Amino acid sequence: MLVLTRKKDEAIRIGSDIVIRIVSIDKNSVRIGIEAPKDMTILREELALAVSEENIKAAKETTDEILAKLKERLMSKDTADDDPRPS
């Protein structure tokens, strides 16, 4: 991790198209401004983690639902296999 010291109104440039500027400094917080391309997603870390956890949860629920439906279809196919009539 790169750690830099900046004062109010100073900036950090990342690549050619991202600028992080110190807007204000209070006792317990620092306000930063971020200039970046419109197509770049910028999220606070806690929000990004919450979104990631929700996506994992949704994917797991979807996977569980798919597996349950597949099991149901396979079970009904096994029952259908016992049927002596031609398909």
Foldseek 3Di string as FASTA:
>chain_A
DDDDDDDAQDWDDDPDFWIKHFHDDDPPDTDIDIGHDPPDDDDDPVVVVVVVVVVVVVVVVVVVVVVVVVVVVVVVVVVVVVDPDDD
